[in-house]
C-alpha atoms as a PDB file:
ATOM      1  CA  MET A   1      92.818  91.049  79.609  1.00  0.00           C
ATOM      2  CA  THR A   2      93.583  92.161  83.147  1.00  0.00           C
ATOM      3  CA  ARG A   3      90.396  92.470  85.237  1.00  0.00           C
ATOM      4  CA  ALA A   4      90.051  96.132  86.455  1.00  0.00           C
ATOM      5  CA  LEU A   5      90.293  96.480  90.157  1.00  0.00           C
ATOM      6  CA  PRO A   6      87.781  98.363  92.264  1.00  0.00           C
ATOM      7  CA  GLY A   7      88.736 101.982  92.869  1.00  0.00           C
ATOM      8  CA  ARG A   8      89.008 103.613  96.218  1.00  0.00           C
ATOM      9  CA  GLN A   9      87.719 106.846  96.977  1.00  0.00           C
ATOM     10  CA  VAL A  10      88.104 109.564  99.560  1.00  0.00           C
ATOM     11  CA  ALA A  11      86.236 108.800 102.800  1.00  0.00           C
ATOM     12  CA  ARG A  12      87.142 111.700 104.976  1.00  0.00           C
ATOM     13  CA  ILE A  13      89.841 114.655 104.883  1.00  0.00           C
ATOM     14  CA  SER A  14      91.793 115.932 107.902  1.00  0.00           C
ATOM     15  CA  ARG A  15      92.726 119.661 107.617  1.00  0.00           C
ATOM     16  CA  PRO A  16      94.627 120.610 110.748  1.00  0.00           C
ATOM     17  CA  GLY A  17      96.231 123.918 111.436  1.00  0.00           C
ATOM     18  CA  MET A  18      99.443 124.658 112.950  1.00  0.00           C
ATOM     19  CA  GLU A  19      99.639 124.923 116.600  1.00  0.00           C
ATOM     20  CA  PRO A  20     102.209 125.404 119.510  1.00  0.00           C
ATOM     21  CA  GLY A  21     104.185 122.332 120.387  1.00  0.00           C
ATOM     22  CA  TYR A  22     106.174 121.536 123.506  1.00  0.00           C
ATOM     23  CA  ALA A  23     108.603 124.400 123.520  1.00  0.00           C
ATOM     24  CA  ASP A  24     109.042 127.862 121.917  1.00  0.00           C
ATOM     25  CA  ASN A  25     110.937 126.515 119.229  1.00  0.00           C
ATOM     26  CA  HIS A  26     108.359 123.698 118.303  1.00  0.00           C
ATOM     27  CA  LYS A  27     105.307 123.852 116.113  1.00  0.00           C
ATOM     28  CA  ILE A  28     103.062 121.053 115.212  1.00  0.00           C
ATOM     29  CA  ARG A  29     100.335 119.891 112.872  1.00  0.00           C
ATOM     30  CA  ARG A  30      98.254 116.917 114.184  1.00  0.00           C
ATOM     31  CA  LEU A  31      97.366 115.193 110.861  1.00  0.00           C
ATOM     32  CA  MET A  32      96.465 112.012 112.670  1.00  0.00           C
ATOM     33  CA  PRO A  33      95.434 112.717 116.312  1.00  0.00           C
ATOM     34  CA  PRO A  34      95.942 109.534 118.449  1.00  0.00           C
ATOM     35  CA  GLY A  35      92.622 107.948 120.036  1.00  0.00           C
ATOM     36  CA  ASP A  36      90.512 106.860 116.833  1.00  0.00           C
ATOM     37  CA  TRP A  37      92.212 103.530 117.141  1.00  0.00           C
ATOM     38  CA  ALA A  38      89.676 101.325 115.142  1.00  0.00           C
ATOM     39  CA  ALA A  39      89.357 103.976 112.303  1.00  0.00           C
ATOM     40  CA  ASN A  40      93.154 104.368 111.888  1.00  0.00           C
ATOM     41  CA  ASP A  41      94.393 100.717 112.550  1.00  0.00           C
ATOM     42  CA  PRO A  42      97.173  99.850 112.265  1.00  0.00           C
ATOM     43  CA  PHE A  43      98.502 103.399 112.335  1.00  0.00           C
ATOM     44  CA  LEU A  44      98.491 105.253 115.609  1.00  0.00           C
ATOM     45  CA  LEU A  45      99.210 108.883 114.898  1.00  0.00           C
ATOM     46  CA  LEU A  46     100.903 111.247 112.428  1.00  0.00           C
ATOM     47  CA  MET A  47     102.542 114.419 113.551  1.00  0.00           C
ATOM     48  CA  GLU A  48     104.001 117.146 111.424  1.00  0.00           C
ATOM     49  CA  ASP A  49     106.904 118.900 113.390  1.00  0.00           C
ATOM     50  CA  TRP A  50     108.964 121.948 113.018  1.00  0.00           C
ATOM     51  CA  ALA A  51     111.475 121.501 115.880  1.00  0.00           C
ATOM     52  CA  GLY A  52     114.666 123.308 116.941  1.00  0.00           C
ATOM     53  CA  PRO A  53     117.471 122.083 119.384  1.00  0.00           C
ATOM     54  CA  GLY A  54     116.420 120.413 122.550  1.00  0.00           C
ATOM     55  CA  VAL A  55     112.857 119.543 121.490  1.00  0.00           C
ATOM     56  CA  PHE A  56     113.333 115.925 121.175  1.00  0.00           C
ATOM     57  CA  GLU A  57     115.442 114.929 124.340  1.00  0.00           C
ATOM     58  CA  PRO A  58     116.286 111.377 124.894  1.00  0.00           C
ATOM     59  CA  HIS A  59     112.974 109.532 125.322  1.00  0.00           C
ATOM     60  CA  PRO A  60     111.711 105.877 125.727  1.00  0.00           C
ATOM     61  CA  HIS A  61     109.167 103.961 123.463  1.00  0.00           C
ATOM     62  CA  ARG A  62     107.701 100.497 123.705  1.00  0.00           C
ATOM     63  CA  GLY A  63     105.396  98.330 121.601  1.00  0.00           C
ATOM     64  CA  ILE A  64     105.418 100.448 118.397  1.00  0.00           C
ATOM     65  CA  GLN A  65     107.314 101.324 115.197  1.00  0.00           C
ATOM     66  CA  THR A  66     107.896 105.005 114.278  1.00  0.00           C
ATOM     67  CA  LEU A  67     108.718 106.183 110.718  1.00  0.00           C
ATOM     68  CA  THR A  68     110.447 109.488 110.808  1.00  0.00           C
ATOM     69  CA  PHE A  69     110.304 111.027 107.300  1.00  0.00           C
ATOM     70  CA  LEU A  70     112.484 114.058 107.029  1.00  0.00           C
ATOM     71  CA  LEU A  71     111.422 116.933 104.822  1.00  0.00           C
ATOM     72  CA  GLU A  72     113.959 119.664 105.786  1.00  0.00           C
ATOM     73  CA  GLY A  73     117.156 119.690 107.760  1.00  0.00           C
ATOM     74  CA  GLU A  74     119.448 117.009 108.862  1.00  0.00           C
ATOM     75  CA  ILE A  75     119.009 114.620 111.928  1.00  0.00           C
ATOM     76  CA  GLU A  76     121.584 113.149 114.234  1.00  0.00           C
ATOM     77  CA  HIS A  77     120.065 110.072 115.923  1.00  0.00           C
ATOM     78  CA  TYR A  78     121.214 107.830 118.580  1.00  0.00           C
ATOM     79  CA  ASP A  79     119.804 105.185 120.959  1.00  0.00           C
ATOM     80  CA  ASN A  80     120.592 102.913 123.884  1.00  0.00           C
ATOM     81  CA  HIS A  81     120.969  99.915 121.828  1.00  0.00           C
ATOM     82  CA  GLY A  82     124.111 101.361 120.011  1.00  0.00           C
ATOM     83  CA  HIS A  83     122.364 102.482 116.715  1.00  0.00           C
ATOM     84  CA  LYS A  84     123.429 106.028 115.619  1.00  0.00           C
ATOM     85  CA  GLY A  85     123.729 107.870 112.430  1.00  0.00           C
ATOM     86  CA  ARG A  86     122.748 110.712 110.367  1.00  0.00           C
ATOM     87  CA  ILE A  87     119.939 111.386 107.784  1.00  0.00           C
ATOM     88  CA  SER A  88     119.077 114.211 105.404  1.00  0.00           C
ATOM     89  CA  ALA A  89     115.920 115.721 103.800  1.00  0.00           C
ATOM     90  CA  GLY A  90     114.139 112.940 101.714  1.00  0.00           C
ATOM     91  CA  ASP A  91     115.537 110.093 104.002  1.00  0.00           C
ATOM     92  CA  ALA A  92     113.610 108.348 106.747  1.00  0.00           C
ATOM     93  CA  LEU A  93     114.153 106.274 109.867  1.00  0.00           C
ATOM     94  CA  LEU A  94     112.198 103.273 110.817  1.00  0.00           C
ATOM     95  CA  MET A  95     112.481 102.389 114.447  1.00  0.00           C
ATOM     96  CA  THR A  96     111.047  99.201 115.894  1.00  0.00           C
ATOM     97  CA  ALA A  97     110.783 100.031 119.657  1.00  0.00           C
ATOM     98  CA  GLY A  98     109.799  96.496 120.594  1.00  0.00           C
ATOM     99  CA  ARG A  99     110.240  95.774 124.423  1.00  0.00           C
ATOM    100  CA  GLY A 100     112.028  99.037 124.852  1.00  0.00           C
ATOM    101  CA  ILE A 101     114.414 101.908 123.592  1.00  0.00           C
ATOM    102  CA  VAL A 102     115.477 105.241 124.569  1.00  0.00           C
ATOM    103  CA  HIS A 103     116.335 107.252 121.594  1.00  0.00           C
ATOM    104  CA  ASP A 104     117.095 110.914 120.587  1.00  0.00           C
ATOM    105  CA  GLU A 105     116.740 112.634 117.329  1.00  0.00           C
ATOM    106  CA  ARG A 106     118.345 116.148 117.113  1.00  0.00           C
ATOM    107  CA  PRO A 107     119.202 118.730 114.379  1.00  0.00           C
ATOM    108  CA  ALA A 108     122.790 117.942 113.023  1.00  0.00           C
ATOM    109  CA  ASP A 109     123.370 121.636 112.309  1.00  0.00           C
ATOM    110  CA  GLY A 110     121.434 123.264 115.267  1.00  0.00           C
ATOM    111  CA  LYS A 111     118.910 124.475 112.883  1.00  0.00           C
ATOM    112  CA  THR A 112     114.894 123.657 112.767  1.00  0.00           C
ATOM    113  CA  LEU A 113     113.945 120.419 111.524  1.00  0.00           C
ATOM    114  CA  HIS A 114     110.785 119.850 109.453  1.00  0.00           C
ATOM    115  CA  LEU A 115     109.737 116.207 109.699  1.00  0.00           C
ATOM    116  CA  LEU A 116     106.777 114.021 109.807  1.00  0.00           C
ATOM    117  CA  GLN A 117     106.364 111.132 112.285  1.00  0.00           C
ATOM    118  CA  LEU A 118     104.189 108.281 111.761  1.00  0.00           C
ATOM    119  CA  TRP A 119     103.526 105.644 114.722  1.00  0.00           C
ATOM    120  CA  ILE A 120     102.648 102.101 113.501  1.00  0.00           C
ATOM    121  CA  ASN A 121     101.136  99.627 115.924  1.00  0.00           C
ATOM    122  CA  LEU A 122     103.028  96.340 116.526  1.00  0.00           C
ATOM    123  CA  PRO A 123     101.228  93.020 116.703  1.00  0.00           C
ATOM    124  CA  ARG A 124     100.481  91.521 120.215  1.00  0.00           C
ATOM    125  CA  LYS A 125     103.008  88.840 119.430  1.00  0.00           C
ATOM    126  CA  ASP A 126     105.769  91.405 118.518  1.00  0.00           C
ATOM    127  CA  LYS A 127     105.194  93.763 121.092  1.00  0.00           C
ATOM    128  CA  LEU A 128     108.259  92.773 123.074  1.00  0.00           C
ATOM    129  CA  THR A 129     110.532  91.974 120.176  1.00  0.00           C
ATOM    130  CA  ILE A 130     114.239  93.301 120.432  1.00  0.00           C
ATOM    131  CA  ALA A 131     114.690  97.014 119.316  1.00  0.00           C
ATOM    132  CA  SER A 132     116.028  97.604 115.805  1.00  0.00           C
ATOM    133  CA  LEU A 133     116.467 100.482 113.519  1.00  0.00           C
ATOM    134  CA  GLN A 134     116.718 100.808 109.646  1.00  0.00           C
ATOM    135  CA  GLU A 135     117.936 103.961 107.825  1.00  0.00           C
ATOM    136  CA  LEU A 136     116.025 104.477 104.632  1.00  0.00           C
ATOM    137  CA  HIS A 137     118.210 106.732 102.507  1.00  0.00           C
ATOM    138  CA  ALA A 138     116.252 108.191  99.519  1.00  0.00           C
ATOM    139  CA  SER A 139     119.337 107.522  97.381  1.00  0.00           C
ATOM    140  CA  GLY A 140     119.120 103.705  98.022  1.00  0.00           C
ATOM    141  CA  LEU A 141     115.415 103.211  97.863  1.00  0.00           C
ATOM    142  CA  PRO A 142     113.876 101.465  94.857  1.00  0.00           C
ATOM    143  CA  VAL A 143     111.947 103.805  92.444  1.00  0.00           C
ATOM    144  CA  ARG A 144     109.023 103.224  90.274  1.00  0.00           C
ATOM    145  CA  ARG A 145     109.098 105.452  87.120  1.00  0.00           C
ATOM    146  CA  GLU A 146     106.722 106.358  84.644  1.00  0.00           C
ATOM    147  CA  PRO A 147     106.163 109.275  82.466  1.00  0.00           C
ATOM    148  CA  GLY A 148     105.725 112.401  84.800  1.00  0.00           C
ATOM    149  CA  VAL A 149     105.713 109.972  87.758  1.00  0.00           C
ATOM    150  CA  GLU A 150     108.540 108.965  90.402  1.00  0.00           C
ATOM    151  CA  VAL A 151     107.432 106.825  93.252  1.00  0.00           C
ATOM    152  CA  ARG A 152     110.054 106.137  95.815  1.00  0.00           C
ATOM    153  CA  VAL A 153     109.157 102.860  97.780  1.00  0.00           C
ATOM    154  CA  LEU A 154     109.911 103.096 101.460  1.00  0.00           C
ATOM    155  CA  SER A 155     108.157  99.886 102.217  1.00  0.00           C
ATOM    156  CA  GLY A 156     105.998  97.230 100.337  1.00  0.00           C
ATOM    157  CA  ARG A 157     105.533  97.458  96.689  1.00  0.00           C
ATOM    158  CA  SER A 158     104.302  99.881  93.994  1.00  0.00           C
ATOM    159  CA  GLY A 159     103.825  98.315  90.588  1.00  0.00           C
ATOM    160  CA  GLU A 160     106.697  95.995  89.796  1.00  0.00           C
ATOM    161  CA  VAL A 161     109.094  97.737  92.303  1.00  0.00           C
ATOM    162  CA  ALA A 162     109.440  96.238  95.732  1.00  0.00           C
ATOM    163  CA  SER A 163     111.266  97.485  98.848  1.00  0.00           C
ATOM    164  CA  ALA A 164     113.442  95.248 101.067  1.00  0.00           C
ATOM    165  CA  THR A 165     112.518  96.961 104.247  1.00  0.00           C
ATOM    166  CA  GLY A 166     111.747  94.624 106.950  1.00  0.00           C
ATOM    167  CA  ASN A 167     108.436  94.980 108.857  1.00  0.00           C
ATOM    168  CA  TYR A 168     106.498  93.106 111.522  1.00  0.00           C
ATOM    169  CA  ALA A 169     103.054  94.363 110.492  1.00  0.00           C
ATOM    170  CA  PRO A 170     103.267  94.650 106.701  1.00  0.00           C
ATOM    171  CA  PHE A 171     102.725  98.104 105.352  1.00  0.00           C
ATOM    172  CA  ILE A 172     103.118 100.106 102.174  1.00  0.00           C
ATOM    173  CA  GLY A 173     104.941 103.310 102.326  1.00  0.00           C
ATOM    174  CA  LEU A 174     105.445 105.488  99.281  1.00  0.00           C
ATOM    175  CA  GLU A 175     106.892 108.989  98.424  1.00  0.00           C
ATOM    176  CA  MET A 176     105.003 110.028  95.185  1.00  0.00           C
ATOM    177  CA  ARG A 177     106.392 112.994  93.008  1.00  0.00           C
ATOM    178  CA  LEU A 178     104.219 113.768  90.167  1.00  0.00           C
ATOM    179  CA  ASP A 179     104.616 116.354  87.424  1.00  0.00           C
ATOM    180  CA  ALA A 180     101.535 118.675  86.505  1.00  0.00           C
ATOM    181  CA  ALA A 181      98.482 116.604  85.557  1.00  0.00           C
ATOM    182  CA  ALA A 182     100.444 113.326  85.841  1.00  0.00           C
ATOM    183  CA  MET A 183      98.572 110.213  87.201  1.00  0.00           C
ATOM    184  CA  VAL A 184      99.520 107.028  89.045  1.00  0.00           C
ATOM    185  CA  GLU A 185      97.420 104.026  89.979  1.00  0.00           C
ATOM    186  CA  GLN A 186      98.460 102.243  93.132  1.00  0.00           C
ATOM    187  CA  GLU A 187      97.243  98.731  93.983  1.00  0.00           C
ATOM    188  CA  LEU A 188      96.137  97.932  97.598  1.00  0.00           C
ATOM    189  CA  PRO A 189      95.743  94.492  99.141  1.00  0.00           C
ATOM    190  CA  ALA A 190      92.242  93.366 100.385  1.00  0.00           C
ATOM    191  CA  GLY A 191      91.631  94.922 103.804  1.00  0.00           C
ATOM    192  CA  TYR A 192      94.313  97.510 103.861  1.00  0.00           C
ATOM    193  CA  ASN A 193      93.546 100.770 105.627  1.00  0.00           C
ATOM    194  CA  CYS A 194      95.036 103.592 103.498  1.00  0.00           C
ATOM    195  CA  PHE A 195      95.564 107.435 103.674  1.00  0.00           C
ATOM    196  CA  ILE A 196      97.416 109.997 101.716  1.00  0.00           C
ATOM    197  CA  VAL A 197      99.093 113.131 102.982  1.00  0.00           C
ATOM    198  CA  VAL A 198     100.037 115.965 100.524  1.00  0.00           C
ATOM    199  CA  ILE A 199     103.437 117.569 101.301  1.00  0.00           C
ATOM    200  CA  ASP A 200     103.328 120.070  98.445  1.00  0.00           C
ATOM    201  CA  GLY A 201     100.733 121.019  95.710  1.00  0.00           C
ATOM    202  CA  HIS A 202      97.442 119.598  95.090  1.00  0.00           C
ATOM    203  CA  VAL A 203      96.180 115.946  94.105  1.00  0.00           C
ATOM    204  CA  ARG A 204      92.925 114.647  92.744  1.00  0.00           C
ATOM    205  CA  ILE A 205      91.998 111.126  94.291  1.00  0.00           C
ATOM    206  CA  GLY A 206      89.868 108.497  92.870  1.00  0.00           C
ATOM    207  CA  ALA A 207      87.275 108.553  90.021  1.00  0.00           C
ATOM    208  CA  ALA A 208      85.375 111.496  91.838  1.00  0.00           C
ATOM    209  CA  GLY A 209      88.730 113.507  91.786  1.00  0.00           C
ATOM    210  CA  GLU A 210      88.484 114.670  95.361  1.00  0.00           C
ATOM    211  CA  ASP A 211      90.870 117.729  95.797  1.00  0.00           C
ATOM    212  CA  VAL A 212      93.391 117.418  98.464  1.00  0.00           C
ATOM    213  CA  GLY A 213      95.994 120.189  99.181  1.00  0.00           C
ATOM    214  CA  SER A 214      99.116 120.666 100.915  1.00  0.00           C
ATOM    215  CA  GLY A 215      98.938 119.991 104.782  1.00  0.00           C
ATOM    216  CA  GLU A 216      96.090 117.783 104.377  1.00  0.00           C
ATOM    217  CA  LEU A 217      95.376 114.122 104.931  1.00  0.00           C
ATOM    218  CA  ALA A 218      92.874 112.188 103.201  1.00  0.00           C
ATOM    219  CA  TRP A 219      91.642 108.551 104.225  1.00  0.00           C
ATOM    220  CA  LEU A 220      90.375 106.176 101.781  1.00  0.00           C
ATOM    221  CA  THR A 221      87.205 104.116 101.742  1.00  0.00           C
ATOM    222  CA  ARG A 222      87.773 100.465 102.922  1.00  0.00           C
ATOM    223  CA  SER A 223      87.750  97.484 100.544  1.00  0.00           C
ATOM    224  CA  GLU A 224      87.706  93.830 101.530  1.00  0.00           C
ATOM    225  CA  VAL A 225      88.894  92.719  98.095  1.00  0.00           C
ATOM    226  CA  PRO A 226      92.186  93.873  96.157  1.00  0.00           C
ATOM    227  CA  SER A 227      91.584  97.512  94.899  1.00  0.00           C
ATOM    228  CA  GLN A 228      93.423 100.430  93.600  1.00  0.00           C
ATOM    229  CA  VAL A 229      93.596 104.205  94.114  1.00  0.00           C
ATOM    230  CA  THR A 230      94.187 106.743  91.467  1.00  0.00           C
ATOM    231  CA  VAL A 231      96.230 109.814  92.337  1.00  0.00           C
ATOM    232  CA  THR A 232      96.413 112.665  89.754  1.00  0.00           C
ATOM    233  CA  ALA A 233      98.548 115.911  90.365  1.00  0.00           C
ATOM    234  CA  GLY A 234      97.323 119.306  90.014  1.00  0.00           C
ATOM    235  CA  GLU A 235      98.695 121.892  87.583  1.00  0.00           C
ATOM    236  CA  ALA A 236     101.799 122.613  89.645  1.00  0.00           C
ATOM    237  CA  GLY A 237     102.623 118.829  90.240  1.00  0.00           C
ATOM    238  CA  CYS A 238     102.732 117.320  93.739  1.00  0.00           C
ATOM    239  CA  ARG A 239     104.531 115.526  96.302  1.00  0.00           C
ATOM    240  CA  ALA A 240     102.678 113.284  98.591  1.00  0.00           C
ATOM    241  CA  LEU A 241     103.085 110.260 100.964  1.00  0.00           C
ATOM    242  CA  LEU A 242     100.811 107.288 100.583  1.00  0.00           C
ATOM    243  CA  PHE A 243     100.654 104.660 103.538  1.00  0.00           C
ATOM    244  CA  ALA A 244      98.550 101.670 103.690  1.00  0.00           C
ATOM    245  CA  GLY A 245      98.540  98.670 106.187  1.00  0.00           C
ATOM    246  CA  GLN A 246      96.458  95.600 107.315  1.00  0.00           C
ATOM    247  CA  PRO A 247      94.319  96.385 110.556  1.00  0.00           C
ATOM    248  CA  LEU A 248      95.615  94.494 113.630  1.00  0.00           C
ATOM    249  CA  ASN A 249      92.033  94.322 115.164  1.00  0.00           C
ATOM    250  CA  GLU A 250      93.579  94.043 118.470  1.00  0.00           C
ATOM    251  CA  PRO A 251      92.860  96.200 121.681  1.00  0.00           C
ATOM    252  CA  VAL A 252      94.936  99.328 122.122  1.00  0.00           C
ATOM    253  CA  ALA A 253      96.165 100.616 125.351  1.00  0.00           C
ATOM    254  CA  SER A 254      98.437 103.842 125.097  1.00  0.00           C
ATOM    255  CA  ARG A 255      99.919 106.406 127.443  1.00  0.00           C
ATOM    256  CA  GLY A 256     102.674 108.819 126.412  1.00  0.00           C
ATOM    257  CA  PRO A 257     105.268 106.821 124.462  1.00  0.00           C
ATOM    258  CA  PHE A 258     104.068 103.358 125.224  1.00  0.00           C
ATOM    259  CA  VAL A 259     101.484 101.385 123.303  1.00  0.00           C
ATOM    260  CA  MET A 260     100.327  98.011 124.507  1.00  0.00           C
ATOM    261  CA  ASN A 261      97.223  95.923 124.481  1.00  0.00           C
ATOM    262  CA  THR A 262      96.189  96.236 128.260  1.00  0.00           C
ATOM    263  CA  ALA A 263      96.449  98.720 131.067  1.00  0.00           C
ATOM    264  CA  GLU A 264      98.317  96.176 133.085  1.00  0.00           C
ATOM    265  CA  GLU A 265     101.096  96.022 130.337  1.00  0.00           C
ATOM    266  CA  LEU A 266     101.332  99.698 130.346  1.00  0.00           C
ATOM    267  CA  SER A 267     101.951  99.820 133.940  1.00  0.00           C
ATOM    268  CA  ALA A 268     104.616  97.196 133.701  1.00  0.00           C
ATOM    269  CA  ALA A 269     106.359  99.163 130.889  1.00  0.00           C
ATOM    270  CA  PHE A 270     106.464 102.379 133.087  1.00  0.00           C
ATOM    271  CA  ALA A 271     107.652 100.352 136.054  1.00  0.00           C
ATOM    272  CA  GLU A 272     110.454  98.654 133.927  1.00  0.00           C
ATOM    273  CA  TYR A 273     111.485 102.009 132.665  1.00  0.00           C
ATOM    274  CA  ARG A 274     111.697 103.645 135.926  1.00  0.00           C
ATOM    275  CA  ALA A 275     113.771 100.602 137.315  1.00  0.00           C
ATOM    276  CA  GLN A 276     115.952 100.445 134.206  1.00  0.00           C
ATOM    277  CA  GLY A 277     116.496 104.096 133.012  1.00  0.00           C
ATOM    278  CA  ASP A 278     119.066 104.251 130.176  1.00  0.00           C
ATOM    279  CA  ARG A 279     119.282 100.281 130.158  1.00  0.00           C
ATOM    280  CA  PHE A 280     115.515 100.033 129.194  1.00  0.00           C
ATOM    281  CA  GLY A 281     114.770  97.356 126.556  1.00  0.00           C
ATOM    282  CA  GLN A 282     118.283  95.993 126.776  1.00  0.00           C
ATOM    283  CA  ALA A 283     119.014  92.419 126.929  1.00  0.00           C
ATOM    284  CA  GLY A 284     120.445  90.770 130.088  1.00  0.00           C
END
């Protein structure tokens, strides 16, 4: 008989409202504001954006990965390392900024995009790796299926289903679609920090059945041993994302689009960007 794993519960819930963004055609919801580095480690921020043309002009990053999960619309993307392409609703982009990248994500049809963007910290040893990009198309991702349950694996593993997505700091990323009252159990490695964000519907999390609704983010309790979390859909079913990762336990220095370990490294990053411009992060 398999020994039951300890269950995770809800530790806290974020219920942010919608607010103005950087332009008239931009609205945001700060699901995970930056700054609480130790509590959110290895995650840095999670923003929900409604963005029209011109909001995401070409801009740089260093020292992080970004995962852009598209909810509505189509994105055309390109960067100064030669990556370019298009993703549609349900697809994701996992970009490793590493030592530097300048990229742009824009509406392919000129209409409003609805997306979630998660910033994931890179370990100190990988901060200056060469930039790379992975398109995660929904149609090509592995899927865990059970009665009333469909779990698309963006990264890591769910049940017996594993993703081939490459990472520097390993993390689990799942899109869960559950029919009414359907339930799924997700195993979590020892020490992994985990949160669930609900896109549509309601879910009940853990043995206590804490209710979390659309547009809300629930952080789970920590566990230093292997554990699991139970997610049960409400009466109308649900769609939710689960992310979990091993904390890096490293110092964080952040300013704008750059995240390093020290203030001196940040200053060096900005100096390089000013000097290199569109060549930022390129070899040679």
